[in-house]
Amino acid sequence: MSFNEQELIAIKHATSGFFKGGARRQIAQSLQKLAAYLEHIKSTQQQDHHQELLKLLNSFTEMRQEALRRGAKGYSDPNWASAAACESWLQELLGGDEKSVQDVEIVVLDLIERG
């Protein structure tokens, strides 16, 4: 199991429960937007595709760090978790093998469906 898959599972567990519906919705919306954008950039050339993924990764890293600066204290924080979920997915797309990407995308789909 990759680190990114572990992170996504930790986010899933931390946002389970009756009082975490808002966090689940925010995570699902962020992942859905990312999924739509990933479909859009698939039509670009491989080098451009990689550069676009890196730009996206940097923007989600900045969002996650901003959430920390604003007081996010853990995996259940909606702002931190939604940025971290997208960041983990992108990191796996950029550096994972085919199996690890598939495993991560199973968790991503589960997070979207829970929203």
N, C-alpha and C. Protein backbone atom coordinates (compact mmCIF):
# COMPACT_ATOMS: atom_id res chain seq x y z
N MET A 1 0.85 -1.18 0.00
CA MET A 1 0.00 0.00 0.00
C MET A 1 0.89 1.24 0.00
N SER A 2 0.63 2.14 -0.92
CA SER A 2 1.46 3.34 -1.03
C SER A 2 1.12 4.35 0.07
N PHE A 3 2.05 5.26 0.29
CA PHE A 3 1.82 6.34 1.26
C PHE A 3 0.57 7.13 0.89
N ASN A 4 0.38 7.42 -0.39
CA ASN A 4 -0.77 8.21 -0.82
C ASN A 4 -2.08 7.48 -0.56
N GLU A 5 -2.09 6.19 -0.77
CA GLU A 5 -3.29 5.40 -0.46
C GLU A 5 -3.56 5.43 1.05
N GLN A 6 -2.51 5.31 1.85
CA GLN A 6 -2.66 5.39 3.31
C GLN A 6 -3.24 6.73 3.73
N GLU A 7 -2.76 7.80 3.12
CA GLU A 7 -3.27 9.14 3.44
C GLU A 7 -4.76 9.25 3.10
N LEU A 8 -5.14 8.76 1.94
CA LEU A 8 -6.55 8.82 1.54
C LEU A 8 -7.43 8.00 2.47
N ILE A 9 -6.95 6.85 2.89
CA ILE A 9 -7.71 6.03 3.84
C ILE A 9 -7.82 6.73 5.18
N ALA A 10 -6.75 7.38 5.63
CA ALA A 10 -6.80 8.14 6.88
C ALA A 10 -7.82 9.27 6.79
N ILE A 11 -7.88 9.95 5.66
CA ILE A 11 -8.88 11.01 5.45
C ILE A 11 -10.28 10.40 5.47
N LYS A 12 -10.44 9.27 4.83
CA LYS A 12 -11.74 8.59 4.80
C LYS A 12 -12.21 8.27 6.22
N HIS A 13 -11.33 7.69 7.03
CA HIS A 13 -11.69 7.33 8.40
C HIS A 13 -11.97 8.56 9.26
N ALA A 14 -11.17 9.59 9.09
CA ALA A 14 -11.32 10.80 9.91
C ALA A 14 -12.59 11.57 9.56
N THR A 15 -13.11 11.37 8.37
CA THR A 15 -14.32 12.10 7.96
C THR A 15 -15.55 11.20 7.94
N SER A 16 -15.46 10.07 8.63
CA SER A 16 -16.63 9.20 8.79
C SER A 16 -17.44 9.69 9.99
N GLY A 17 -18.69 9.38 9.98
CA GLY A 17 -19.53 9.74 11.12
C GLY A 17 -20.56 10.80 10.78
N PHE A 18 -21.53 10.88 11.64
CA PHE A 18 -22.69 11.74 11.43
C PHE A 18 -22.33 13.22 11.28
N PHE A 19 -21.39 13.69 12.05
CA PHE A 19 -21.08 15.12 12.08
C PHE A 19 -20.04 15.56 11.05
N LYS A 20 -19.64 14.68 10.18
CA LYS A 20 -18.59 15.00 9.20
C LYS A 20 -19.13 15.10 7.78
N GLY A 21 -20.44 15.24 7.62
CA GLY A 21 -21.05 15.31 6.29
C GLY A 21 -20.53 16.46 5.45
N GLY A 22 -20.31 17.61 6.07
CA GLY A 22 -19.79 18.77 5.35
C GLY A 22 -18.40 18.51 4.80
N ALA A 23 -17.57 17.87 5.60
CA ALA A 23 -16.22 17.55 5.15
C ALA A 23 -16.26 16.55 4.00
N ARG A 24 -17.13 15.54 4.12
CA ARG A 24 -17.24 14.54 3.04
C ARG A 24 -17.69 15.20 1.74
N ARG A 25 -18.64 16.12 1.83
CA ARG A 25 -19.12 16.80 0.62
C ARG A 25 -18.01 17.65 0.00
N GLN A 26 -17.27 18.38 0.82
CA GLN A 26 -16.20 19.23 0.30
C GLN A 26 -15.11 18.38 -0.36
N ILE A 27 -14.75 17.28 0.25
CA ILE A 27 -13.74 16.38 -0.33
C ILE A 27 -14.24 15.85 -1.67
N ALA A 28 -15.49 15.38 -1.69
CA ALA A 28 -16.06 14.82 -2.93
C ALA A 28 -16.09 15.87 -4.04
N GLN A 29 -16.48 17.08 -3.71
CA GLN A 29 -16.55 18.14 -4.72
C GLN A 29 -15.16 18.45 -5.28
N SER A 30 -14.18 18.53 -4.41
CA SER A 30 -12.81 18.81 -4.87
C SER A 30 -12.29 17.69 -5.77
N LEU A 31 -12.54 16.45 -5.37
CA LEU A 31 -12.08 15.32 -6.18
C LEU A 31 -12.83 15.24 -7.51
N GLN A 32 -14.11 15.57 -7.51
CA GLN A 32 -14.88 15.58 -8.76
C GLN A 32 -14.36 16.64 -9.72
N LYS A 33 -14.06 17.82 -9.19
CA LYS A 33 -13.50 18.88 -10.04
C LYS A 33 -12.14 18.46 -10.60
N LEU A 34 -11.33 17.85 -9.76
CA LEU A 34 -10.03 17.38 -10.22
C LEU A 34 -10.19 16.30 -11.28
N ALA A 35 -11.11 15.38 -11.08
CA ALA A 35 -11.35 14.31 -12.06
C ALA A 35 -11.75 14.89 -13.41
N ALA A 36 -12.62 15.89 -13.39
CA ALA A 36 -13.05 16.52 -14.64
C ALA A 36 -11.87 17.20 -15.33
N TYR A 37 -11.03 17.87 -14.55
CA TYR A 37 -9.87 18.55 -15.13
C TYR A 37 -8.87 17.53 -15.67
N LEU A 38 -8.69 16.42 -14.97
CA LEU A 38 -7.78 15.38 -15.45
C LEU A 38 -8.25 14.82 -16.79
N GLU A 39 -9.54 14.65 -16.95
CA GLU A 39 -10.08 14.19 -18.24
C GLU A 39 -9.76 15.21 -19.33
N HIS A 40 -9.87 16.48 -18.99
CA HIS A 40 -9.60 17.55 -19.95
C HIS A 40 -8.14 17.54 -20.41
N ILE A 41 -7.22 17.38 -19.48
CA ILE A 41 -5.80 17.47 -19.85
C ILE A 41 -5.26 16.17 -20.44
N LYS A 42 -6.01 15.09 -20.38
CA LYS A 42 -5.55 13.84 -20.99
C LYS A 42 -5.32 14.00 -22.49
N SER A 43 -5.98 14.96 -23.10
CA SER A 43 -5.85 15.16 -24.54
C SER A 43 -4.56 15.89 -24.92
N THR A 44 -3.82 16.39 -23.94
CA THR A 44 -2.57 17.10 -24.24
C THR A 44 -1.44 16.11 -24.43
N GLN A 45 -0.33 16.59 -24.98
CA GLN A 45 0.84 15.74 -25.17
C GLN A 45 1.43 15.34 -23.82
N GLN A 46 2.15 14.24 -23.80
CA GLN A 46 2.65 13.68 -22.54
C GLN A 46 3.46 14.69 -21.72
N GLN A 47 4.36 15.43 -22.35
CA GLN A 47 5.17 16.38 -21.60
C GLN A 47 4.28 17.47 -21.01
N ASP A 48 3.37 17.99 -21.80
CA ASP A 48 2.45 19.01 -21.30
C ASP A 48 1.58 18.44 -20.19
N HIS A 49 1.16 17.20 -20.36
CA HIS A 49 0.33 16.53 -19.36
C HIS A 49 1.06 16.49 -18.02
N HIS A 50 2.32 16.11 -18.05
CA HIS A 50 3.12 16.04 -16.84
C HIS A 50 3.26 17.42 -16.20
N GLN A 51 3.52 18.43 -17.01
CA GLN A 51 3.66 19.80 -16.49
C GLN A 51 2.36 20.28 -15.85
N GLU A 52 1.24 19.97 -16.48
CA GLU A 52 -0.06 20.37 -15.92
C GLU A 52 -0.30 19.69 -14.57
N LEU A 53 0.05 18.41 -14.48
CA LEU A 53 -0.12 17.70 -13.22
C LEU A 53 0.76 18.31 -12.13
N LEU A 54 1.98 18.70 -12.49
CA LEU A 54 2.86 19.34 -11.51
C LEU A 54 2.30 20.68 -11.03
N LYS A 55 1.74 21.46 -11.94
CA LYS A 55 1.13 22.73 -11.56
C LYS A 55 -0.04 22.50 -10.61
N LEU A 56 -0.87 21.52 -10.95
CA LEU A 56 -2.00 21.19 -10.09
C LEU A 56 -1.52 20.73 -8.71
N LEU A 57 -0.52 19.87 -8.70
CA LEU A 57 0.02 19.38 -7.44
C LEU A 57 0.49 20.54 -6.57
N ASN A 58 1.21 21.47 -7.16
CA ASN A 58 1.70 22.63 -6.41
C ASN A 58 0.55 23.47 -5.85
N SER A 59 -0.51 23.63 -6.62
CA SER A 59 -1.64 24.43 -6.14
C SER A 59 -2.35 23.74 -4.97
N PHE A 60 -2.50 22.41 -5.03
CA PHE A 60 -3.14 21.71 -3.92
C PHE A 60 -2.23 21.67 -2.69
N THR A 61 -0.93 21.60 -2.90
CA THR A 61 0.00 21.67 -1.78
C THR A 61 -0.12 23.02 -1.09
N GLU A 62 -0.21 24.08 -1.87
CA GLU A 62 -0.38 25.42 -1.30
C GLU A 62 -1.70 25.53 -0.53
N MET A 63 -2.78 24.95 -1.07
CA MET A 63 -4.07 24.99 -0.38
C MET A 63 -4.01 24.24 0.95
N ARG A 64 -3.34 23.09 0.95
CA ARG A 64 -3.21 22.31 2.19
C ARG A 64 -2.40 23.09 3.22
N GLN A 65 -1.31 23.71 2.79
CA GLN A 65 -0.49 24.49 3.71
C GLN A 65 -1.24 25.71 4.23
N GLU A 66 -2.05 26.32 3.38
CA GLU A 66 -2.87 27.45 3.81
C GLU A 66 -3.88 27.01 4.87
N ALA A 67 -4.46 25.84 4.70
CA ALA A 67 -5.39 25.32 5.70
C ALA A 67 -4.68 25.14 7.04
N LEU A 68 -3.44 24.67 7.01
CA LEU A 68 -2.67 24.53 8.25
C LEU A 68 -2.42 25.89 8.89
N ARG A 69 -2.07 26.88 8.07
CA ARG A 69 -1.84 28.23 8.61
C ARG A 69 -3.10 28.80 9.24
N ARG A 70 -4.25 28.39 8.73
CA ARG A 70 -5.52 28.89 9.25
C ARG A 70 -6.05 28.06 10.42
N GLY A 71 -5.27 27.09 10.85
CA GLY A 71 -5.63 26.37 12.06
C GLY A 71 -6.13 24.95 11.89
N ALA A 72 -6.02 24.39 10.72
CA ALA A 72 -6.43 22.99 10.54
C ALA A 72 -5.59 22.12 11.48
N LYS A 73 -6.27 21.19 12.15
CA LYS A 73 -5.57 20.40 13.15
C LYS A 73 -5.54 18.91 12.84
N GLY A 74 -6.04 18.51 11.69
CA GLY A 74 -5.99 17.08 11.42
C GLY A 74 -6.71 16.68 10.16
N TYR A 75 -6.80 15.39 9.98
CA TYR A 75 -7.37 14.81 8.78
C TYR A 75 -8.84 15.15 8.59
N SER A 76 -9.54 15.49 9.64
CA SER A 76 -10.98 15.75 9.51
C SER A 76 -11.31 17.18 9.13
N ASP A 77 -10.33 18.07 9.09
CA ASP A 77 -10.59 19.45 8.68
C ASP A 77 -10.95 19.46 7.19
N PRO A 78 -12.12 20.02 6.83
CA PRO A 78 -12.57 19.97 5.43
C PRO A 78 -11.61 20.62 4.43
N ASN A 79 -11.06 21.77 4.78
CA ASN A 79 -10.16 22.46 3.85
C ASN A 79 -8.85 21.69 3.66
N TRP A 80 -8.29 21.24 4.78
CA TRP A 80 -7.05 20.48 4.70
C TRP A 80 -7.29 19.16 3.98
N ALA A 81 -8.34 18.44 4.36
CA ALA A 81 -8.59 17.10 3.82
C ALA A 81 -8.89 17.13 2.32
N SER A 82 -9.65 18.13 1.87
CA SER A 82 -9.97 18.17 0.44
C SER A 82 -8.71 18.46 -0.38
N ALA A 83 -7.87 19.37 0.10
CA ALA A 83 -6.62 19.66 -0.61
C ALA A 83 -5.67 18.46 -0.54
N ALA A 84 -5.58 17.83 0.62
CA ALA A 84 -4.67 16.69 0.79
C ALA A 84 -5.11 15.50 -0.05
N ALA A 85 -6.42 15.28 -0.17
CA ALA A 85 -6.92 14.17 -0.98
C ALA A 85 -6.53 14.37 -2.45
N CYS A 86 -6.72 15.58 -2.94
CA CYS A 86 -6.34 15.88 -4.33
C CYS A 86 -4.84 15.78 -4.51
N GLU A 87 -4.10 16.27 -3.55
CA GLU A 87 -2.64 16.22 -3.60
C GLU A 87 -2.16 14.76 -3.63
N SER A 88 -2.73 13.91 -2.80
CA SER A 88 -2.33 12.50 -2.77
C SER A 88 -2.62 11.81 -4.09
N TRP A 89 -3.79 12.10 -4.66
CA TRP A 89 -4.14 11.49 -5.95
C TRP A 89 -3.13 11.91 -7.02
N LEU A 90 -2.83 13.21 -7.07
CA LEU A 90 -1.89 13.70 -8.07
C LEU A 90 -0.49 13.13 -7.87
N GLN A 91 -0.05 13.04 -6.62
CA GLN A 91 1.27 12.48 -6.35
C GLN A 91 1.36 11.04 -6.85
N GLU A 92 0.28 10.29 -6.66
CA GLU A 92 0.30 8.91 -7.13
C GLU A 92 0.30 8.85 -8.65
N LEU A 93 -0.46 9.72 -9.29
CA LEU A 93 -0.47 9.76 -10.75
C LEU A 93 0.91 10.08 -11.30
N LEU A 94 1.62 10.96 -10.62
CA LEU A 94 2.94 11.38 -11.08
C LEU A 94 4.04 10.36 -10.78
N GLY A 95 3.91 9.64 -9.67
CA GLY A 95 5.02 8.79 -9.26
C GLY A 95 4.72 7.33 -9.02
N GLY A 96 3.46 6.97 -9.11
CA GLY A 96 3.10 5.59 -8.81
C GLY A 96 3.13 4.69 -10.03
N ASP A 97 3.13 3.39 -9.76
CA ASP A 97 3.02 2.44 -10.86
C ASP A 97 1.53 2.19 -11.15
N GLU A 98 1.27 1.41 -12.17
CA GLU A 98 -0.11 1.21 -12.60
C GLU A 98 -0.99 0.64 -11.48
N LYS A 99 -0.48 -0.32 -10.73
CA LYS A 99 -1.24 -0.96 -9.65
C LYS A 99 -1.52 0.03 -8.53
N SER A 100 -0.52 0.79 -8.13
CA SER A 100 -0.72 1.74 -7.03
C SER A 100 -1.68 2.85 -7.42
N VAL A 101 -1.64 3.28 -8.68
CA VAL A 101 -2.59 4.29 -9.16
C VAL A 101 -4.00 3.72 -9.12
N GLN A 102 -4.17 2.48 -9.54
CA GLN A 102 -5.49 1.85 -9.49
C GLN A 102 -6.00 1.76 -8.06
N ASP A 103 -5.14 1.38 -7.13
CA ASP A 103 -5.53 1.28 -5.73
C ASP A 103 -5.95 2.63 -5.17
N VAL A 104 -5.19 3.66 -5.49
CA VAL A 104 -5.53 5.01 -5.04
C VAL A 104 -6.86 5.46 -5.65
N GLU A 105 -7.07 5.17 -6.91
CA GLU A 105 -8.30 5.61 -7.56
C GLU A 105 -9.53 4.88 -7.03
N ILE A 106 -9.36 3.68 -6.49
CA ILE A 106 -10.48 3.01 -5.82
C ILE A 106 -10.90 3.80 -4.59
N VAL A 107 -9.93 4.26 -3.81
CA VAL A 107 -10.23 5.05 -2.61
C VAL A 107 -10.80 6.40 -3.02
N VAL A 108 -10.26 7.01 -4.07
CA VAL A 108 -10.77 8.30 -4.56
C VAL A 108 -12.25 8.16 -4.95
N LEU A 109 -12.58 7.12 -5.69
CA LEU A 109 -13.98 6.90 -6.08
C LEU A 109 -14.87 6.71 -4.86
N ASP A 110 -14.37 6.02 -3.87
CA ASP A 110 -15.13 5.83 -2.63
C ASP A 110 -15.36 7.18 -1.94
N LEU A 111 -14.33 8.01 -1.89
CA LEU A 111 -14.48 9.34 -1.28
C LEU A 111 -15.48 10.20 -2.04
N ILE A 112 -15.49 10.09 -3.34
CA ILE A 112 -16.46 10.85 -4.15
C ILE A 112 -17.87 10.35 -3.87
N GLU A 113 -18.06 9.05 -3.85
CA GLU A 113 -19.39 8.48 -3.63
C GLU A 113 -19.93 8.80 -2.24
N ARG A 114 -19.06 8.95 -1.25
CA ARG A 114 -19.50 9.26 0.11
C ARG A 114 -19.99 10.69 0.25
N GLY A 115 -19.61 11.53 -0.68
CA GLY A 115 -19.95 12.95 -0.61
C GLY A 115 -21.40 13.16 -0.85
